[in-house]
Amino acid sequence: MNVSANISSIQTNQSFLNTTAKNIKDQSGDLAKDMTNLIVSEKVNAVNVEAIKTQDDMLGSLLDIKA
């Protein structure tokens, strides 16, 4: 997976989070399902951020080796 795919996933997940938060605010929908979705989305974002950090570290190491 590349950085742009991770960023795209984060953006898609953010839209989902916004919709879920609106459902909770408006009390339209199943609260248990919405809270579960928020927890899963939080984990998805954390994984994507870690992947970006790892890719950045790897690229930095490659540049250090090349220099």
PDB file of N, CA and C in Angstrom:
ATOM      1  N   MET A   1       0.843  -1.171   0.000  1.00  0.00           N
ATOM      2  CA  MET A   1       0.000   0.000   0.000  1.00  0.00           C
ATOM      3  C   MET A   1       0.895   1.244   0.000  1.00  0.00           C
ATOM      4  N   ASN A   2       0.505   2.253  -0.716  1.00  0.00           N
ATOM      5  CA  ASN A   2       1.321   3.468  -0.758  1.00  0.00           C
ATOM      6  C   ASN A   2       0.673   4.584   0.056  1.00  0.00           C
ATOM      7  N   VAL A   3       1.395   5.666   0.242  1.00  0.00           N
ATOM      8  CA  VAL A   3       0.929   6.764   1.081  1.00  0.00           C
ATOM      9  C   VAL A   3      -0.379   7.345   0.561  1.00  0.00           C
ATOM     10  N   SER A   4      -0.481   7.519  -0.749  1.00  0.00           N
ATOM     11  CA  SER A   4      -1.710   8.116  -1.292  1.00  0.00           C
ATOM     12  C   SER A   4      -2.928   7.221  -1.041  1.00  0.00           C
ATOM     13  N   ALA A   5      -2.739   5.915  -1.051  1.00  0.00           N
ATOM     14  CA  ALA A   5      -3.852   5.007  -0.747  1.00  0.00           C
ATOM     15  C   ALA A   5      -4.252   5.126   0.725  1.00  0.00           C
ATOM     16  N   ASN A   6      -3.259   5.278   1.611  1.00  0.00           N
ATOM     17  CA  ASN A   6      -3.554   5.462   3.030  1.00  0.00           C
ATOM     18  C   ASN A   6      -4.290   6.775   3.271  1.00  0.00           C
ATOM     19  N   ILE A   7      -3.857   7.824   2.610  1.00  0.00           N
ATOM     20  CA  ILE A   7      -4.513   9.125   2.769  1.00  0.00           C
ATOM     21  C   ILE A   7      -5.934   9.065   2.237  1.00  0.00           C
ATOM     22  N   SER A   8      -6.123   8.412   1.113  1.00  0.00           N
ATOM     23  CA  SER A   8      -7.461   8.250   0.553  1.00  0.00           C
ATOM     24  C   SER A   8      -8.368   7.478   1.507  1.00  0.00           C
ATOM     25  N   SER A   9      -7.823   6.445   2.118  1.00  0.00           N
ATOM     26  CA  SER A   9      -8.587   5.664   3.091  1.00  0.00           C
ATOM     27  C   SER A   9      -8.968   6.508   4.299  1.00  0.00           C
ATOM     28  N   ILE A  10      -8.049   7.356   4.760  1.00  0.00           N
ATOM     29  CA  ILE A  10      -8.337   8.237   5.894  1.00  0.00           C
ATOM     30  C   ILE A  10      -9.444   9.223   5.522  1.00  0.00           C
ATOM     31  N   GLN A  11      -9.404   9.768   4.316  1.00  0.00           N
ATOM     32  CA  GLN A  11     -10.425  10.717   3.882  1.00  0.00           C
ATOM     33  C   GLN A  11     -11.796  10.043   3.778  1.00  0.00           C
ATOM     34  N   THR A  12     -11.819   8.837   3.241  1.00  0.00           N
ATOM     35  CA  THR A  12     -13.076   8.093   3.148  1.00  0.00           C
ATOM     36  C   THR A  12     -13.613   7.790   4.532  1.00  0.00           C
ATOM     37  N   ASN A  13     -12.723   7.378   5.410  1.00  0.00           N
ATOM     38  CA  ASN A  13     -13.114   7.071   6.775  1.00  0.00           C
ATOM     39  C   ASN A  13     -13.625   8.319   7.490  1.00  0.00           C
ATOM     40  N   GLN A  14     -13.044   9.479   7.196  1.00  0.00           N
ATOM     41  CA  GLN A  14     -13.492  10.729   7.817  1.00  0.00           C
ATOM     42  C   GLN A  14     -14.926  11.046   7.411  1.00  0.00           C
ATOM     43  N   SER A  15     -15.273  10.816   6.159  1.00  0.00           N
ATOM     44  CA  SER A  15     -16.653  11.028   5.711  1.00  0.00           C
ATOM     45  C   SER A  15     -17.602  10.113   6.466  1.00  0.00           C
ATOM     46  N   PHE A  16     -17.188   8.864   6.636  1.00  0.00           N
ATOM     47  CA  PHE A  16     -17.996   7.900   7.379  1.00  0.00           C
ATOM     48  C   PHE A  16     -18.162   8.350   8.833  1.00  0.00           C
ATOM     49  N   LEU A  17     -17.071   8.837   9.443  1.00  0.00           N
ATOM     50  CA  LEU A  17     -17.134   9.332  10.816  1.00  0.00           C
ATOM     51  C   LEU A  17     -18.090  10.515  10.933  1.00  0.00           C
ATOM     52  N   ASN A  18     -18.042  11.415   9.982  1.00  0.00           N
ATOM     53  CA  ASN A  18     -18.938  12.575  10.003  1.00  0.00           C
ATOM     54  C   ASN A  18     -20.399  12.148   9.938  1.00  0.00           C
ATOM     55  N   THR A  19     -20.705  11.195   9.079  1.00  0.00           N
ATOM     56  CA  THR A  19     -22.075  10.694   8.959  1.00  0.00           C
ATOM     57  C   THR A  19     -22.522  10.016  10.247  1.00  0.00           C
ATOM     58  N   THR A  20     -21.653   9.198  10.813  1.00  0.00           N
ATOM     59  CA  THR A  20     -21.988   8.490  12.050  1.00  0.00           C
ATOM     60  C   THR A  20     -22.187   9.475  13.202  1.00  0.00           C
ATOM     61  N   ALA A  21     -21.314  10.480  13.294  1.00  0.00           N
ATOM     62  CA  ALA A  21     -21.451  11.485  14.345  1.00  0.00           C
ATOM     63  C   ALA A  21     -22.752  12.260  14.194  1.00  0.00           C
ATOM     64  N   LYS A  22     -23.126  12.555  12.952  1.00  0.00           N
ATOM     65  CA  LYS A  22     -24.398  13.259  12.706  1.00  0.00           C
ATOM     66  C   LYS A  22     -25.571  12.383  13.132  1.00  0.00           C
ATOM     67  N   ASN A  23     -25.506  11.084  12.844  1.00  0.00           N
ATOM     68  CA  ASN A  23     -26.578  10.170  13.259  1.00  0.00           C
ATOM     69  C   ASN A  23     -26.719  10.153  14.776  1.00  0.00           C
ATOM     70  N   ILE A  24     -25.590  10.146  15.472  1.00  0.00           N
ATOM     71  CA  ILE A  24     -25.630  10.135  16.941  1.00  0.00           C
ATOM     72  C   ILE A  24     -26.227  11.443  17.449  1.00  0.00           C
ATOM     73  N   LYS A  25     -25.783  12.562  16.874  1.00  0.00           N
ATOM     74  CA  LYS A  25     -26.284  13.872  17.290  1.00  0.00           C
ATOM     75  C   LYS A  25     -27.787  13.984  17.071  1.00  0.00           C
ATOM     76  N   ASP A  26     -28.242  13.532  15.910  1.00  0.00           N
ATOM     77  CA  ASP A  26     -29.664  13.626  15.564  1.00  0.00           C
ATOM     78  C   ASP A  26     -30.498  12.506  16.171  1.00  0.00           C
ATOM     79  N   GLN A  27     -29.830  11.572  16.837  1.00  0.00           N
ATOM     80  CA  GLN A  27     -30.481  10.398  17.423  1.00  0.00           C
ATOM     81  C   GLN A  27     -31.280   9.636  16.360  1.00  0.00           C
ATOM     82  N   SER A  28     -30.728   9.565  15.158  1.00  0.00           N
ATOM     83  CA  SER A  28     -31.379   8.824  14.075  1.00  0.00           C
ATOM     84  C   SER A  28     -30.539   7.592  13.779  1.00  0.00           C
ATOM     85  N   GLY A  29     -31.000   6.465  14.211  1.00  0.00           N
ATOM     86  CA  GLY A  29     -30.260   5.233  13.986  1.00  0.00           C
ATOM     87  C   GLY A  29     -30.020   4.492  15.286  1.00  0.00           C
ATOM     88  N   ASP A  30     -29.322   3.404  15.174  1.00  0.00           N
ATOM     89  CA  ASP A  30     -29.029   2.540  16.312  1.00  0.00           C
ATOM     90  C   ASP A  30     -27.755   3.033  17.005  1.00  0.00           C
ATOM     91  N   LEU A  31     -27.882   3.493  18.235  1.00  0.00           N
ATOM     92  CA  LEU A  31     -26.751   4.060  18.961  1.00  0.00           C
ATOM     93  C   LEU A  31     -25.630   3.042  19.154  1.00  0.00           C
ATOM     94  N   ALA A  32     -25.979   1.807  19.489  1.00  0.00           N
ATOM     95  CA  ALA A  32     -24.953   0.775  19.701  1.00  0.00           C
ATOM     96  C   ALA A  32     -24.157   0.534  18.419  1.00  0.00           C
ATOM     97  N   LYS A  33     -24.856   0.472  17.295  1.00  0.00           N
ATOM     98  CA  LYS A  33     -24.186   0.265  16.005  1.00  0.00           C
ATOM     99  C   LYS A  33     -23.300   1.463  15.666  1.00  0.00           C
ATOM    100  N   ASP A  34     -23.818   2.667  15.901  1.00  0.00           N
ATOM    101  CA  ASP A  34     -23.048   3.872  15.587  1.00  0.00           C
ATOM    102  C   ASP A  34     -21.796   3.968  16.458  1.00  0.00           C
ATOM    103  N   MET A  35     -21.905   3.642  17.733  1.00  0.00           N
ATOM    104  CA  MET A  35     -20.740   3.687  18.619  1.00  0.00           C
ATOM    105  C   MET A  35     -19.707   2.639  18.204  1.00  0.00           C
ATOM    106  N   THR A  36     -20.188   1.462  17.821  1.00  0.00           N
ATOM    107  CA  THR A  36     -19.277   0.417  17.341  1.00  0.00           C
ATOM    108  C   THR A  36     -18.553   0.881  16.079  1.00  0.00           C
ATOM    109  N   ASN A  37     -19.299   1.509  15.176  1.00  0.00           N
ATOM    110  CA  ASN A  37     -18.689   2.034  13.949  1.00  0.00           C
ATOM    111  C   ASN A  37     -17.628   3.084  14.256  1.00  0.00           C
ATOM    112  N   LEU A  38     -17.887   3.940  15.258  1.00  0.00           N
ATOM    113  CA  LEU A  38     -16.899   4.952  15.626  1.00  0.00           C
ATOM    114  C   LEU A  38     -15.618   4.310  16.146  1.00  0.00           C
ATOM    115  N   ILE A  39     -15.758   3.264  16.954  1.00  0.00           N
ATOM    116  CA  ILE A  39     -14.583   2.577  17.490  1.00  0.00           C
ATOM    117  C   ILE A  39     -13.784   1.919  16.370  1.00  0.00           C
ATOM    118  N   VAL A  40     -14.483   1.251  15.458  1.00  0.00           N
ATOM    119  CA  VAL A  40     -13.802   0.604  14.328  1.00  0.00           C
ATOM    120  C   VAL A  40     -13.109   1.650  13.459  1.00  0.00           C
ATOM    121  N   SER A  41     -13.780   2.762  13.208  1.00  0.00           N
ATOM    122  CA  SER A  41     -13.195   3.821  12.385  1.00  0.00           C
ATOM    123  C   SER A  41     -11.951   4.408  13.038  1.00  0.00           C
ATOM    124  N   GLU A  42     -11.987   4.543  14.348  1.00  0.00           N
ATOM    125  CA  GLU A  42     -10.819   5.040  15.069  1.00  0.00           C
ATOM    126  C   GLU A  42      -9.627   4.101  14.870  1.00  0.00           C
ATOM    127  N   LYS A  43      -9.884   2.799  14.937  1.00  0.00           N
ATOM    128  CA  LYS A  43      -8.808   1.818  14.746  1.00  0.00           C
ATOM    129  C   LYS A  43      -8.283   1.855  13.309  1.00  0.00           C
ATOM    130  N   VAL A  44      -9.190   2.007  12.336  1.00  0.00           N
ATOM    131  CA  VAL A  44      -8.790   2.076  10.929  1.00  0.00           C
ATOM    132  C   VAL A  44      -7.880   3.283  10.705  1.00  0.00           C
ATOM    133  N   ASN A  45      -8.254   4.429  11.273  1.00  0.00           N
ATOM    134  CA  ASN A  45      -7.416   5.618  11.137  1.00  0.00           C
ATOM    135  C   ASN A  45      -6.053   5.409  11.769  1.00  0.00           C
ATOM    136  N   ALA A  46      -6.021   4.794  12.940  1.00  0.00           N
ATOM    137  CA  ALA A  46      -4.748   4.553  13.624  1.00  0.00           C
ATOM    138  C   ALA A  46      -3.837   3.658  12.786  1.00  0.00           C
ATOM    139  N   VAL A  47      -4.394   2.635  12.170  1.00  0.00           N
ATOM    140  CA  VAL A  47      -3.609   1.731  11.328  1.00  0.00           C
ATOM    141  C   VAL A  47      -3.059   2.479  10.111  1.00  0.00           C
ATOM    142  N   ASN A  48      -3.896   3.294   9.488  1.00  0.00           N
ATOM    143  CA  ASN A  48      -3.440   4.054   8.316  1.00  0.00           C
ATOM    144  C   ASN A  48      -2.342   5.044   8.687  1.00  0.00           C
ATOM    145  N   VAL A  49      -2.469   5.702   9.819  1.00  0.00           N
ATOM    146  CA  VAL A  49      -1.442   6.644  10.258  1.00  0.00           C
ATOM    147  C   VAL A  49      -0.130   5.908  10.530  1.00  0.00           C
ATOM    148  N   GLU A  50      -0.204   4.757  11.185  1.00  0.00           N
ATOM    149  CA  GLU A  50       1.016   3.974  11.446  1.00  0.00           C
ATOM    150  C   GLU A  50       1.679   3.524  10.144  1.00  0.00           C
ATOM    151  N   ALA A  51       0.850   3.139   9.163  1.00  0.00           N
ATOM    152  CA  ALA A  51       1.405   2.722   7.869  1.00  0.00           C
ATOM    153  C   ALA A  51       2.137   3.886   7.199  1.00  0.00           C
ATOM    154  N   ILE A  52       1.551   5.074   7.274  1.00  0.00           N
ATOM    155  CA  ILE A  52       2.204   6.252   6.687  1.00  0.00           C
ATOM    156  C   ILE A  52       3.510   6.548   7.410  1.00  0.00           C
ATOM    157  N   LYS A  53       3.508   6.470   8.736  1.00  0.00           N
ATOM    158  CA  LYS A  53       4.735   6.702   9.499  1.00  0.00           C
ATOM    159  C   LYS A  53       5.820   5.693   9.123  1.00  0.00           C
ATOM    160  N   THR A  54       5.431   4.427   8.993  1.00  0.00           N
ATOM    161  CA  THR A  54       6.400   3.387   8.627  1.00  0.00           C
ATOM    162  C   THR A  54       6.966   3.631   7.234  1.00  0.00           C
ATOM    163  N   GLN A  55       6.092   3.993   6.300  1.00  0.00           N
ATOM    164  CA  GLN A  55       6.547   4.280   4.940  1.00  0.00           C
ATOM    165  C   GLN A  55       7.490   5.470   4.937  1.00  0.00           C
ATOM    166  N   ASP A  56       7.193   6.484   5.746  1.00  0.00           N
ATOM    167  CA  ASP A  56       8.055   7.656   5.843  1.00  0.00           C
ATOM    168  C   ASP A  56       9.415   7.279   6.424  1.00  0.00           C
ATOM    169  N   ASP A  57       9.416   6.457   7.468  1.00  0.00           N
ATOM    170  CA  ASP A  57      10.680   6.001   8.061  1.00  0.00           C
ATOM    171  C   ASP A  57      11.509   5.195   7.064  1.00  0.00           C
ATOM    172  N   MET A  58      10.849   4.326   6.304  1.00  0.00           N
ATOM    173  CA  MET A  58      11.562   3.510   5.326  1.00  0.00           C
ATOM    174  C   MET A  58      12.170   4.386   4.238  1.00  0.00           C
ATOM    175  N   LEU A  59      11.404   5.365   3.778  1.00  0.00           N
ATOM    176  CA  LEU A  59      11.914   6.264   2.748  1.00  0.00           C
ATOM    177  C   LEU A  59      13.096   7.070   3.285  1.00  0.00           C
ATOM    178  N   GLY A  60      12.981   7.525   4.540  1.00  0.00           N
ATOM    179  CA  GLY A  60      14.089   8.249   5.156  1.00  0.00           C
ATOM    180  C   GLY A  60      15.337   7.390   5.249  1.00  0.00           C
ATOM    181  N   SER A  61      15.179   6.114   5.608  1.00  0.00           N
ATOM    182  CA  SER A  61      16.315   5.215   5.702  1.00  0.00           C
ATOM    183  C   SER A  61      16.956   4.995   4.329  1.00  0.00           C
ATOM    184  N   LEU A  62      16.119   4.837   3.312  1.00  0.00           N
ATOM    185  CA  LEU A  62      16.642   4.666   1.953  1.00  0.00           C
ATOM    186  C   LEU A  62      17.425   5.892   1.502  1.00  0.00           C
ATOM    187  N   LEU A  63      16.900   7.060   1.823  1.00  0.00           N
ATOM    188  CA  LEU A  63      17.606   8.289   1.435  1.00  0.00           C
ATOM    189  C   LEU A  63      18.923   8.421   2.190  1.00  0.00           C
ATOM    190  N   ASP A  64      18.933   8.006   3.480  1.00  0.00           N
ATOM    191  CA  ASP A  64      20.177   8.059   4.248  1.00  0.00           C
ATOM    192  C   ASP A  64      21.216   7.103   3.664  1.00  0.00           C
ATOM    193  N   ILE A  65      20.770   5.925   3.240  1.00  0.00           N
ATOM    194  CA  ILE A  65      21.692   4.931   2.649  1.00  0.00           C
ATOM    195  C   ILE A  65      22.263   5.481   1.344  1.00  0.00           C
ATOM    196  N   LYS A  66      21.399   6.101   0.542  1.00  0.00           N
ATOM    197  CA  LYS A  66      21.834   6.613  -0.750  1.00  0.00           C
ATOM    198  C   LYS A  66      22.807   7.787  -0.603  1.00  0.00           C
ATOM    199  N   ALA A  67      22.656   8.558   0.447  1.00  0.00           N
ATOM    200  CA  ALA A  67      23.496   9.762   0.637  1.00  0.00           C
ATOM    201  C   ALA A  67      24.888   9.451   1.024  1.00  0.00           C
TER     202      ALA A  67
END
